Amino acid sequence: AERGWPGGAGSGAAPFDPDAEPDPAHLELFAAAFARWKDAA
């Protein structure tokens, strides 16, 4: 999340590209987070 803010850590990464292949590591990270959040307050 921090990388998404202007000036945030790692914010110098390339801008969002809708045609780019998803990063498998990010997909795994998000899948785990969404599974946790399903029952979270």
Full PDB file with SEQRES, HELIX, SHEET, SSBOND, CRYST1, ORIGX, SCALE, CONECT and MASTER records, all heavy atoms in Angstrom:
SEQRES   1 A   41  ALA GLU ARG GLY TRP PRO GLY GLY ALA GLY SER GLY ALA          
SEQRES   2 A   41  ALA PRO PHE ASP PRO ASP ALA GLU PRO ASP PRO ALA HIS          
SEQRES   3 A   41  LEU GLU LEU PHE ALA ALA ALA PHE ALA ARG TRP LYS ASP          
SEQRES   4 A   41  ALA ALA                                                      
HELIX    1 AA1 GLU A    2  GLY A    4  5                                   3    
HELIX    2 AA2 PRO A   24  TRP A   37  1                                  14    
CRYST1    1.000    1.000    1.000  90.00  90.00  90.00 P 1           1          
ORIGX1      1.000000  0.000000  0.000000        0.00000                         
ORIGX2      0.000000  1.000000  0.000000        0.00000                         
ORIGX3      0.000000  0.000000  1.000000        0.00000                         
SCALE1      1.000000  0.000000  0.000000        0.00000                         
SCALE2      0.000000  1.000000  0.000000        0.00000                         
SCALE3      0.000000  0.000000  1.000000        0.00000                         
ATOM      1  N   ALA A   1       0.828  -1.201   0.000  1.00  0.00           N  
ATOM      2  CA  ALA A   1       0.000   0.000   0.000  1.00  0.00           C  
ATOM      3  C   ALA A   1       0.867   1.258   0.000  1.00  0.00           C  
ATOM      4  O   ALA A   1       0.565   2.227  -0.712  1.00  0.00           O  
ATOM      5  CB  ALA A   1      -0.925  -0.001   1.219  1.00  0.00           C  
ATOM      6  N   GLU A   2       1.926   1.246   0.753  1.00  0.00           N  
ATOM      7  CA  GLU A   2       2.787   2.433   0.862  1.00  0.00           C  
ATOM      8  C   GLU A   2       3.388   2.817  -0.481  1.00  0.00           C  
ATOM      9  O   GLU A   2       3.563   4.002  -0.783  1.00  0.00           O  
ATOM     10  CB  GLU A   2       3.902   2.160   1.878  1.00  0.00           C  
ATOM     11  CG  GLU A   2       4.800   3.342   2.164  1.00  0.00           C  
ATOM     12  CD  GLU A   2       4.085   4.521   2.805  1.00  0.00           C  
ATOM     13  OE1 GLU A   2       3.021   4.320   3.428  1.00  0.00           O  
ATOM     14  OE2 GLU A   2       4.593   5.656   2.670  1.00  0.00           O  
ATOM     15  N   ARG A   3       3.677   1.833  -1.318  1.00  0.00           N  
ATOM     16  CA  ARG A   3       4.271   2.124  -2.628  1.00  0.00           C  
ATOM     17  C   ARG A   3       3.310   2.881  -3.537  1.00  0.00           C  
ATOM     18  O   ARG A   3       3.741   3.471  -4.534  1.00  0.00           O  
ATOM     19  CB  ARG A   3       4.712   0.820  -3.305  1.00  0.00           C  
ATOM     20  CG  ARG A   3       5.987   0.235  -2.716  1.00  0.00           C  
ATOM     21  CD  ARG A   3       6.567  -0.836  -3.620  1.00  0.00           C  
ATOM     22  NE  ARG A   3       5.734  -2.039  -3.657  1.00  0.00           N  
ATOM     23  CZ  ARG A   3       5.855  -3.047  -2.797  1.00  0.00           C  
ATOM     24  NH1 ARG A   3       6.740  -3.003  -1.832  1.00  0.00           N  
ATOM     25  NH2 ARG A   3       5.070  -4.108  -2.906  1.00  0.00           N  
ATOM     26  N   GLY A   4       2.026   2.859  -3.193  1.00  0.00           N  
ATOM     27  CA  GLY A   4       1.054   3.533  -4.045  1.00  0.00           C  
ATOM     28  C   GLY A   4       0.954   5.030  -3.837  1.00  0.00           C  
ATOM     29  O   GLY A   4       0.310   5.719  -4.640  1.00  0.00           O  
ATOM     30  N   TRP A   5       1.584   5.559  -2.776  1.00  0.00           N  
ATOM     31  CA  TRP A   5       1.492   6.993  -2.507  1.00  0.00           C  
ATOM     32  C   TRP A   5       2.637   7.758  -3.161  1.00  0.00           C  
ATOM     33  O   TRP A   5       3.764   7.267  -3.174  1.00  0.00           O  
ATOM     34  CB  TRP A   5       1.538   7.266  -0.999  1.00  0.00           C  
ATOM     35  CG  TRP A   5       0.390   6.706  -0.247  1.00  0.00           C  
ATOM     36  CD1 TRP A   5       0.418   5.707   0.664  1.00  0.00           C  
ATOM     37  CD2 TRP A   5      -0.982   7.133  -0.338  1.00  0.00           C  
ATOM     38  NE1 TRP A   5      -0.850   5.464   1.153  1.00  0.00           N  
ATOM     39  CE2 TRP A   5      -1.715   6.322   0.554  1.00  0.00           C  
ATOM     40  CE3 TRP A   5      -1.640   8.104  -1.081  1.00  0.00           C  
ATOM     41  CZ2 TRP A   5      -3.094   6.460   0.721  1.00  0.00           C  
ATOM     42  CZ3 TRP A   5      -3.006   8.230  -0.923  1.00  0.00           C  
ATOM     43  CH2 TRP A   5      -3.718   7.434  -0.038  1.00  0.00           C  
ATOM     44  N   PRO A   6       2.379   8.954  -3.678  1.00  0.00           N  
ATOM     45  CA  PRO A   6       3.475   9.788  -4.178  1.00  0.00           C  
ATOM     46  C   PRO A   6       4.483  10.033  -3.056  1.00  0.00           C  
ATOM     47  O   PRO A   6       4.120  10.453  -1.962  1.00  0.00           O  
ATOM     48  CB  PRO A   6       2.784  11.098  -4.581  1.00  0.00           C  
ATOM     49  CG  PRO A   6       1.359  10.722  -4.810  1.00  0.00           C  
ATOM     50  CD  PRO A   6       1.061   9.614  -3.833  1.00  0.00           C  
ATOM     51  N   GLY A   7       5.736   9.696  -3.320  1.00  0.00           N  
ATOM     52  CA  GLY A   7       6.757   9.882  -2.301  1.00  0.00           C  
ATOM     53  C   GLY A   7       6.838   8.758  -1.295  1.00  0.00           C  
ATOM     54  O   GLY A   7       7.693   8.773  -0.407  1.00  0.00           O  
ATOM     55  N   GLY A   8       5.952   7.761  -1.426  1.00  0.00           N  
ATOM     56  CA  GLY A   8       5.990   6.627  -0.511  1.00  0.00           C  
ATOM     57  C   GLY A   8       7.164   5.722  -0.817  1.00  0.00           C  
ATOM     58  O   GLY A   8       7.796   5.818  -1.882  1.00  0.00           O  
ATOM     59  N   ALA A   9       7.483   4.841   0.110  1.00  0.00           N  
ATOM     60  CA  ALA A   9       8.600   3.921  -0.091  1.00  0.00           C  
ATOM     61  C   ALA A   9       8.357   3.073  -1.328  1.00  0.00           C  
ATOM     62  O   ALA A   9       7.317   2.420  -1.455  1.00  0.00           O  
ATOM     63  CB  ALA A   9       8.760   3.029   1.135  1.00  0.00           C  
ATOM     64  N   GLY A  10       9.303   3.112  -2.267  1.00  0.00           N  
ATOM     65  CA  GLY A  10       9.152   2.332  -3.489  1.00  0.00           C  
ATOM     66  C   GLY A  10       8.214   2.963  -4.495  1.00  0.00           C  
ATOM     67  O   GLY A  10       7.814   2.331  -5.461  1.00  0.00           O  
ATOM     68  N   SER A  11       7.858   4.239  -4.297  1.00  0.00           N  
ATOM     69  CA  SER A  11       6.883   4.868  -5.193  1.00  0.00           C  
ATOM     70  C   SER A  11       7.467   5.203  -6.559  1.00  0.00           C  
ATOM     71  O   SER A  11       6.750   5.634  -7.438  1.00  0.00           O  
ATOM     72  CB  SER A  11       6.336   6.154  -4.563  1.00  0.00           C  
ATOM     73  OG  SER A  11       7.379   7.087  -4.331  1.00  0.00           O  
ATOM     74  N   GLY A  12       8.767   4.986  -6.742  1.00  0.00           N  
ATOM     75  CA  GLY A  12       9.374   5.240  -8.047  1.00  0.00           C  
ATOM     76  C   GLY A  12       9.131   4.130  -9.038  1.00  0.00           C  
ATOM     77  O   GLY A  12       9.640   4.167 -10.158  1.00  0.00           O  
ATOM     78  N   ALA A  13       8.367   3.114  -8.636  1.00  0.00           N  
ATOM     79  CA  ALA A  13       8.075   2.009  -9.541  1.00  0.00           C  
ATOM     80  C   ALA A  13       7.290   2.502 -10.748  1.00  0.00           C  
ATOM     81  O   ALA A  13       6.696   3.575 -10.729  1.00  0.00           O  
ATOM     82  CB  ALA A  13       7.277   0.925  -8.804  1.00  0.00           C  
ATOM     83  N   ALA A  14       7.301   1.684 -11.801  1.00  0.00           N  
ATOM     84  CA  ALA A  14       6.589   2.062 -13.030  1.00  0.00           C  
ATOM     85  C   ALA A  14       5.106   2.229 -12.731  1.00  0.00           C  
ATOM     86  O   ALA A  14       4.550   1.541 -11.881  1.00  0.00           O  
ATOM     87  CB  ALA A  14       6.793   0.989 -14.090  1.00  0.00           C  
ATOM     88  N   PRO A  15       4.426   3.160 -13.439  1.00  0.00           N  
ATOM     89  CA  PRO A  15       2.992   3.367 -13.204  1.00  0.00           C  
ATOM     90  C   PRO A  15       2.184   2.144 -13.603  1.00  0.00           C  
ATOM     91  O   PRO A  15       2.647   1.273 -14.335  1.00  0.00           O  
ATOM     92  CB  PRO A  15       2.669   4.574 -14.093  1.00  0.00           C  
ATOM     93  CG  PRO A  15       3.738   4.602 -15.122  1.00  0.00           C  
ATOM     94  CD  PRO A  15       4.964   4.064 -14.461  1.00  0.00           C  
ATOM     95  N   PHE A  16       0.955   2.090 -13.120  1.00  0.00           N  
ATOM     96  CA  PHE A  16       0.064   0.959 -13.404  1.00  0.00           C  
ATOM     97  C   PHE A  16      -0.107   0.767 -14.900  1.00  0.00           C  
ATOM     98  O   PHE A  16      -0.349   1.706 -15.646  1.00  0.00           O  
ATOM     99  CB  PHE A  16      -1.292   1.222 -12.750  1.00  0.00           C  
ATOM    100  CG  PHE A  16      -2.320   0.183 -13.079  1.00  0.00           C  
ATOM    101  CD1 PHE A  16      -2.324  -1.019 -12.406  1.00  0.00           C  
ATOM    102  CD2 PHE A  16      -3.265   0.407 -14.061  1.00  0.00           C  
ATOM    103  CE1 PHE A  16      -3.277  -1.982 -12.696  1.00  0.00           C  
ATOM    104  CE2 PHE A  16      -4.212  -0.553 -14.355  1.00  0.00           C  
ATOM    105  CZ  PHE A  16      -4.215  -1.755 -13.676  1.00  0.00           C  
ATOM    106  N   ASP A  17       0.043  -0.482 -15.337  1.00  0.00           N  
ATOM    107  CA  ASP A  17      -0.140  -0.836 -16.738  1.00  0.00           C  
ATOM    108  C   ASP A  17      -1.221  -1.904 -16.823  1.00  0.00           C  
ATOM    109  O   ASP A  17      -1.003  -3.056 -16.430  1.00  0.00           O  
ATOM    110  CB  ASP A  17       1.170  -1.358 -17.330  1.00  0.00           C  
ATOM    111  CG  ASP A  17       1.026  -1.740 -18.806  1.00  0.00           C  
ATOM    112  OD1 ASP A  17      -0.088  -1.598 -19.357  1.00  0.00           O  
ATOM    113  OD2 ASP A  17       2.016  -2.195 -19.396  1.00  0.00           O  
ATOM    114  N   PRO A  18      -2.421  -1.547 -17.312  1.00  0.00           N  
ATOM    115  CA  PRO A  18      -3.525  -2.522 -17.337  1.00  0.00           C  
ATOM    116  C   PRO A  18      -3.251  -3.715 -18.223  1.00  0.00           C  
ATOM    117  O   PRO A  18      -3.903  -4.744 -18.096  1.00  0.00           O  
ATOM    118  CB  PRO A  18      -4.713  -1.694 -17.849  1.00  0.00           C  
ATOM    119  CG  PRO A  18      -4.104  -0.544 -18.572  1.00  0.00           C  
ATOM    120  CD  PRO A  18      -2.816  -0.244 -17.864  1.00  0.00           C  
ATOM    121  N   ASP A  19      -2.285  -3.614 -19.157  1.00  0.00           N  
ATOM    122  CA  ASP A  19      -1.972  -4.714 -20.062  1.00  0.00           C  
ATOM    123  C   ASP A  19      -0.850  -5.607 -19.549  1.00  0.00           C  
ATOM    124  O   ASP A  19      -0.542  -6.630 -20.151  1.00  0.00           O  
ATOM    125  CB  ASP A  19      -1.592  -4.168 -21.441  1.00  0.00           C  
ATOM    126  CG  ASP A  19      -2.737  -3.379 -22.076  1.00  0.00           C  
ATOM    127  OD1 ASP A  19      -3.890  -3.837 -21.957  1.00  0.00           O  
ATOM    128  OD2 ASP A  19      -2.477  -2.337 -22.674  1.00  0.00           O  
ATOM    129  N   ALA A  20      -0.223  -5.216 -18.437  1.00  0.00           N  
ATOM    130  CA  ALA A  20       0.896  -5.986 -17.901  1.00  0.00           C  
ATOM    131  C   ALA A  20       0.401  -7.273 -17.241  1.00  0.00           C  
ATOM    132  O   ALA A  20      -0.712  -7.336 -16.727  1.00  0.00           O  
ATOM    133  CB  ALA A  20       1.674  -5.144 -16.896  1.00  0.00           C  
ATOM    134  N   GLU A  21       1.247  -8.294 -17.267  1.00  0.00           N  
ATOM    135  CA  GLU A  21       0.919  -9.546 -16.596  1.00  0.00           C  
ATOM    136  C   GLU A  21       0.948  -9.334 -15.086  1.00  0.00           C  
ATOM    137  O   GLU A  21       1.854  -8.688 -14.562  1.00  0.00           O  
ATOM    138  CB  GLU A  21       1.940 -10.622 -16.978  1.00  0.00           C  
ATOM    139  CG  GLU A  21       1.793 -11.144 -18.401  1.00  0.00           C  
ATOM    140  CD  GLU A  21       0.477 -11.886 -18.613  1.00  0.00           C  
ATOM    141  OE1 GLU A  21       0.047 -12.600 -17.694  1.00  0.00           O  
ATOM    142  OE2 GLU A  21      -0.114 -11.728 -19.686  1.00  0.00           O  
ATOM    143  N   PRO A  22      -0.037  -9.865 -14.351  1.00  0.00           N  
ATOM    144  CA  PRO A  22      -0.030  -9.720 -12.892  1.00  0.00           C  
ATOM    145  C   PRO A  22       1.198 -10.373 -12.279  1.00  0.00           C  
ATOM    146  O   PRO A  22       1.682 -11.400 -12.760  1.00  0.00           O  
ATOM    147  CB  PRO A  22      -1.319 -10.449 -12.462  1.00  0.00           C  
ATOM    148  CG  PRO A  22      -2.154 -10.549 -13.701  1.00  0.00           C  
ATOM    149  CD  PRO A  22      -1.203 -10.600 -14.841  1.00  0.00           C  
ATOM    150  N   ASP A  23       1.710  -9.774 -11.230  1.00  0.00           N  
ATOM    151  CA  ASP A  23       2.844 -10.317 -10.495  1.00  0.00           C  
ATOM    152  C   ASP A  23       2.336 -11.480  -9.634  1.00  0.00           C  
ATOM    153  O   ASP A  23       1.491 -11.271  -8.754  1.00  0.00           O  
ATOM    154  CB  ASP A  23       3.446  -9.224  -9.614  1.00  0.00           C  
ATOM    155  CG  ASP A  23       4.693  -9.689  -8.874  1.00  0.00           C  
ATOM    156  OD1 ASP A  23       4.848 -10.912  -8.679  1.00  0.00           O  
ATOM    157  OD2 ASP A  23       5.496  -8.834  -8.476  1.00  0.00           O  
ATOM    158  N   PRO A  24       2.826 -12.704  -9.854  1.00  0.00           N  
ATOM    159  CA  PRO A  24       2.333 -13.853  -9.073  1.00  0.00           C  
ATOM    160  C   PRO A  24       2.513 -13.666  -7.567  1.00  0.00           C  
ATOM    161  O   PRO A  24       1.650 -14.094  -6.780  1.00  0.00           O  
ATOM    162  CB  PRO A  24       3.189 -15.015  -9.590  1.00  0.00           C  
ATOM    163  CG  PRO A  24       3.616 -14.598 -10.959  1.00  0.00           C  
ATOM    164  CD  PRO A  24       3.786 -13.109 -10.885  1.00  0.00           C  
ATOM    165  N   ALA A  25       3.607 -13.021  -7.159  1.00  0.00           N  
ATOM    166  CA  ALA A  25       3.829 -12.801  -5.725  1.00  0.00           C  
ATOM    167  C   ALA A  25       2.757 -11.887  -5.147  1.00  0.00           C  
ATOM    168  O   ALA A  25       2.264 -12.115  -4.030  1.00  0.00           O  
ATOM    169  CB  ALA A  25       5.224 -12.203  -5.495  1.00  0.00           C  
ATOM    170  N   HIS A  26       2.360 -10.846  -5.919  1.00  0.00           N  
ATOM    171  CA  HIS A  26       1.311  -9.952  -5.457  1.00  0.00           C  
ATOM    172  C   HIS A  26      -0.035 -10.664  -5.406  1.00  0.00           C  
ATOM    173  O   HIS A  26      -0.823 -10.462  -4.467  1.00  0.00           O  
ATOM    174  CB  HIS A  26       1.227  -8.730  -6.372  1.00  0.00           C  
ATOM    175  CG  HIS A  26       2.263  -7.694  -6.073  1.00  0.00           C  
ATOM    176  ND1 HIS A  26       2.424  -6.551  -6.837  1.00  0.00           N  
ATOM    177  CD2 HIS A  26       3.204  -7.616  -5.091  1.00  0.00           C  
ATOM    178  CE1 HIS A  26       3.412  -5.826  -6.337  1.00  0.00           C  
ATOM    179  NE2 HIS A  26       3.892  -6.459  -5.290  1.00  0.00           N  
ATOM    180  N   LEU A  27      -0.294 -11.496  -6.401  1.00  0.00           N  
ATOM    181  CA  LEU A  27      -1.554 -12.231  -6.416  1.00  0.00           C  
ATOM    182  C   LEU A  27      -1.656 -13.141  -5.188  1.00  0.00           C  
ATOM    183  O   LEU A  27      -2.712 -13.243  -4.557  1.00  0.00           O  
ATOM    184  CB  LEU A  27      -1.663 -13.060  -7.694  1.00  0.00           C  
ATOM    185  CG  LEU A  27      -1.825 -12.282  -9.006  1.00  0.00           C  
ATOM    186  CD1 LEU A  27      -1.897 -13.240 -10.183  1.00  0.00           C  
ATOM    187  CD2 LEU A  27      -3.070 -11.408  -8.965  1.00  0.00           C  
ATOM    188  N   GLU A  28      -0.555 -13.786  -4.835  1.00  0.00           N  
ATOM    189  CA  GLU A  28      -0.541 -14.654  -3.661  1.00  0.00           C  
ATOM    190  C   GLU A  28      -0.741 -13.839  -2.387  1.00  0.00           C  
ATOM    191  O   GLU A  28      -1.491 -14.240  -1.480  1.00  0.00           O  
ATOM    192  CB  GLU A  28       0.778 -15.420  -3.605  1.00  0.00           C  
ATOM    193  CG  GLU A  28       0.866 -16.421  -2.471  1.00  0.00           C  
ATOM    194  CD  GLU A  28       2.160 -17.213  -2.494  1.00  0.00           C  
ATOM    195  OE1 GLU A  28       2.830 -17.241  -3.555  1.00  0.00           O  
ATOM    196  OE2 GLU A  28       2.506 -17.805  -1.452  1.00  0.00           O  
ATOM    197  N   LEU A  29      -0.079 -12.679  -2.321  1.00  0.00           N  
ATOM    198  CA  LEU A  29      -0.206 -11.805  -1.156  1.00  0.00           C  
ATOM    199  C   LEU A  29      -1.649 -11.333  -0.990  1.00  0.00           C  
ATOM    200  O   LEU A  29      -2.210 -11.363   0.114  1.00  0.00           O  
ATOM    201  CB  LEU A  29       0.727 -10.598  -1.313  1.00  0.00           C  
ATOM    202  CG  LEU A  29       0.702  -9.542  -0.212  1.00  0.00           C  
ATOM    203  CD1 LEU A  29       1.220 -10.117   1.103  1.00  0.00           C  
ATOM    204  CD2 LEU A  29       1.543  -8.332  -0.628  1.00  0.00           C  
ATOM    205  N   PHE A  30      -2.268 -10.902  -2.088  1.00  0.00           N  
ATOM    206  CA  PHE A  30      -3.640 -10.398  -2.023  1.00  0.00           C  
ATOM    207  C   PHE A  30      -4.628 -11.527  -1.701  1.00  0.00           C  
ATOM    208  O   PHE A  30      -5.585 -11.320  -0.948  1.00  0.00           O  
ATOM    209  CB  PHE A  30      -4.031  -9.737  -3.343  1.00  0.00           C  
ATOM    210  CG  PHE A  30      -3.223  -8.505  -3.666  1.00  0.00           C  
ATOM    211  CD1 PHE A  30      -2.997  -8.133  -4.976  1.00  0.00           C  
ATOM    212  CD2 PHE A  30      -2.665  -7.736  -2.658  1.00  0.00           C  
ATOM    213  CE1 PHE A  30      -2.255  -7.009  -5.278  1.00  0.00           C  
ATOM    214  CE2 PHE A  30      -1.915  -6.611  -2.949  1.00  0.00           C  
ATOM    215  CZ  PHE A  30      -1.714  -6.246  -4.262  1.00  0.00           C  
ATOM    216  N   ALA A  31      -4.396 -12.704  -2.269  1.00  0.00           N  
ATOM    217  CA  ALA A  31      -5.293 -13.831  -1.992  1.00  0.00           C  
ATOM    218  C   ALA A  31      -5.276 -14.166  -0.503  1.00  0.00           C  
ATOM    219  O   ALA A  31      -6.329 -14.421   0.104  1.00  0.00           O  
ATOM    220  CB  ALA A  31      -4.881 -15.048  -2.821  1.00  0.00           C  
ATOM    221  N   ALA A  32      -4.080 -14.154   0.101  1.00  0.00           N  
ATOM    222  CA  ALA A  32      -3.970 -14.444   1.532  1.00  0.00           C  
ATOM    223  C   ALA A  32      -4.658 -13.357   2.355  1.00  0.00           C  
ATOM    224  O   ALA A  32      -5.352 -13.645   3.343  1.00  0.00           O  
ATOM    225  CB  ALA A  32      -2.503 -14.574   1.928  1.00  0.00           C  
ATOM    226  N   ALA A  33      -4.469 -12.094   1.942  1.00  0.00           N  
ATOM    227  CA  ALA A  33      -5.085 -10.979   2.675  1.00  0.00           C  
ATOM    228  C   ALA A  33      -6.605 -11.048   2.581  1.00  0.00           C  
ATOM    229  O   ALA A  33      -7.305 -10.900   3.586  1.00  0.00           O  
ATOM    230  CB  ALA A  33      -4.576  -9.653   2.130  1.00  0.00           C  
ATOM    231  N   PHE A  34      -7.126 -11.286   1.391  1.00  0.00           N  
ATOM    232  CA  PHE A  34      -8.582 -11.336   1.218  1.00  0.00           C  
ATOM    233  C   PHE A  34      -9.192 -12.497   2.013  1.00  0.00           C  
ATOM    234  O   PHE A  34     -10.306 -12.367   2.543  1.00  0.00           O  
ATOM    235  CB  PHE A  34      -8.947 -11.458  -0.257  1.00  0.00           C  
ATOM    236  CG  PHE A  34      -8.637 -10.229  -1.062  1.00  0.00           C  
ATOM    237  CD1 PHE A  34      -8.633 -10.269  -2.446  1.00  0.00           C  
ATOM    238  CD2 PHE A  34      -8.335  -9.022  -0.445  1.00  0.00           C  
ATOM    239  CE1 PHE A  34      -8.345  -9.134  -3.197  1.00  0.00           C  
ATOM    240  CE2 PHE A  34      -8.043  -7.880  -1.181  1.00  0.00           C  
ATOM    241  CZ  PHE A  34      -8.048  -7.940  -2.557  1.00  0.00           C  
ATOM    242  N   ALA A  35      -8.454 -13.612   2.108  1.00  0.00           N  
ATOM    243  CA  ALA A  35      -8.947 -14.739   2.894  1.00  0.00           C  
ATOM    244  C   ALA A  35      -9.014 -14.363   4.371  1.00  0.00           C  
ATOM    245  O   ALA A  35      -9.987 -14.709   5.060  1.00  0.00           O  
ATOM    246  CB  ALA A  35      -8.038 -15.953   2.698  1.00  0.00           C  
ATOM    247  N   ARG A  36      -8.002 -13.650   4.870  1.00  0.00           N  
ATOM    248  CA  ARG A  36      -8.016 -13.198   6.261  1.00  0.00           C  
ATOM    249  C   ARG A  36      -9.147 -12.220   6.516  1.00  0.00           C  
ATOM    250  O   ARG A  36      -9.817 -12.250   7.541  1.00  0.00           O  
ATOM    251  CB  ARG A  36      -6.694 -12.487   6.626  1.00  0.00           C  
ATOM    252  CG  ARG A  36      -5.504 -13.349   6.803  1.00  0.00           C  
ATOM    253  CD  ARG A  36      -4.389 -12.582   7.526  1.00  0.00           C  
ATOM    254  NE  ARG A  36      -4.094 -11.273   6.963  1.00  0.00           N  
ATOM    255  CZ  ARG A  36      -3.274 -11.049   5.951  1.00  0.00           C  
ATOM    256  NH1 ARG A  36      -2.667 -12.074   5.347  1.00  0.00           N  
ATOM    257  NH2 ARG A  36      -3.045  -9.816   5.517  1.00  0.00           N  
ATOM    258  N   TRP A  37      -9.337 -11.312   5.553  1.00  0.00           N  
ATOM    259  CA  TRP A  37     -10.291 -10.216   5.740  1.00  0.00           C  
ATOM    260  C   TRP A  37     -11.744 -10.663   5.657  1.00  0.00           C  
ATOM    261  O   TRP A  37     -12.638  -9.936   6.092  1.00  0.00           O  
ATOM    262  CB  TRP A  37     -10.028  -9.132   4.697  1.00  0.00           C  
ATOM    263  CG  TRP A  37      -8.711  -8.438   4.883  1.00  0.00           C  
ATOM    264  CD1 TRP A  37      -7.941  -8.426   6.011  1.00  0.00           C  
ATOM    265  CD2 TRP A  37      -8.004  -7.661   3.919  1.00  0.00           C  
ATOM    266  NE1 TRP A  37      -6.798  -7.691   5.814  1.00  0.00           N  
ATOM    267  CE2 TRP A  37      -6.811  -7.212   4.532  1.00  0.00           C  
ATOM    268  CE3 TRP A  37      -8.244  -7.303   2.598  1.00  0.00           C  
ATOM    269  CZ2 TRP A  37      -5.880  -6.419   3.863  1.00  0.00           C  
ATOM    270  CZ3 TRP A  37      -7.328  -6.515   1.932  1.00  0.00           C  
ATOM    271  CH2 TRP A  37      -6.153  -6.073   2.555  1.00  0.00           C  
ATOM    272  N   LYS A  38     -11.981 -11.856   5.092  1.00  0.00           N  
ATOM    273  CA  LYS A  38     -13.361 -12.308   4.936  1.00  0.00           C  
ATOM    274  C   LYS A  38     -14.089 -12.340   6.278  1.00  0.00           C  
ATOM    275  O   LYS A  38     -15.260 -11.980   6.372  1.00  0.00           O  
ATOM    276  CB  LYS A  38     -13.388 -13.694   4.285  1.00  0.00           C  
ATOM    277  CG  LYS A  38     -14.789 -14.211   4.040  1.00  0.00           C  
ATOM    278  CD  LYS A  38     -14.777 -15.619   3.465  1.00  0.00           C  
ATOM    279  CE  LYS A  38     -14.196 -15.653   2.077  1.00  0.00           C  
ATOM    280  NZ  LYS A  38     -14.331 -17.023   1.464  1.00  0.00           N  
ATOM    281  N   ASP A  39     -13.396 -12.780   7.331  1.00  0.00           N  
ATOM    282  CA  ASP A  39     -14.015 -12.892   8.654  1.00  0.00           C  
ATOM    283  C   ASP A  39     -13.507 -11.841   9.638  1.00  0.00           C  
ATOM    284  O   ASP A  39     -13.829 -11.915  10.834  1.00  0.00           O  
ATOM    285  CB  ASP A  39     -13.758 -14.287   9.230  1.00  0.00           C  
ATOM    286  CG  ASP A  39     -14.361 -15.386   8.357  1.00  0.00           C  
ATOM    287  OD1 ASP A  39     -15.500 -15.194   7.885  1.00  0.00           O  
ATOM    288  OD2 ASP A  39     -13.695 -16.403   8.144  1.00  0.00           O  
ATOM    289  N   ALA A  40     -12.724 -10.878   9.146  1.00  0.00           N  
ATOM    290  CA  ALA A  40     -12.169  -9.856  10.034  1.00  0.00           C  
ATOM    291  C   ALA A  40     -13.210  -8.781  10.329  1.00  0.00           C  
ATOM    292  O   ALA A  40     -14.142  -8.560   9.553  1.00  0.00           O  
ATOM    293  CB  ALA A  40     -10.933  -9.218   9.398  1.00  0.00           C  
ATOM    294  N   ALA A  41     -13.030  -8.126  11.452  1.00  0.00           N  
ATOM    295  CA  ALA A  41     -13.937  -7.029  11.814  1.00  0.00           C  
ATOM    296  C   ALA A  41     -13.772  -5.883  10.820  1.00  0.00           C  
ATOM    297  O   ALA A  41     -12.668  -5.631  10.313  1.00  0.00           O  
ATOM    298  CB  ALA A  41     -13.624  -6.546  13.230  1.00  0.00           C  
TER     299      ALA A  41                                                      
MASTER        0    0    0    2    0    0    0    6  298    1    0    4          
END                                                                             
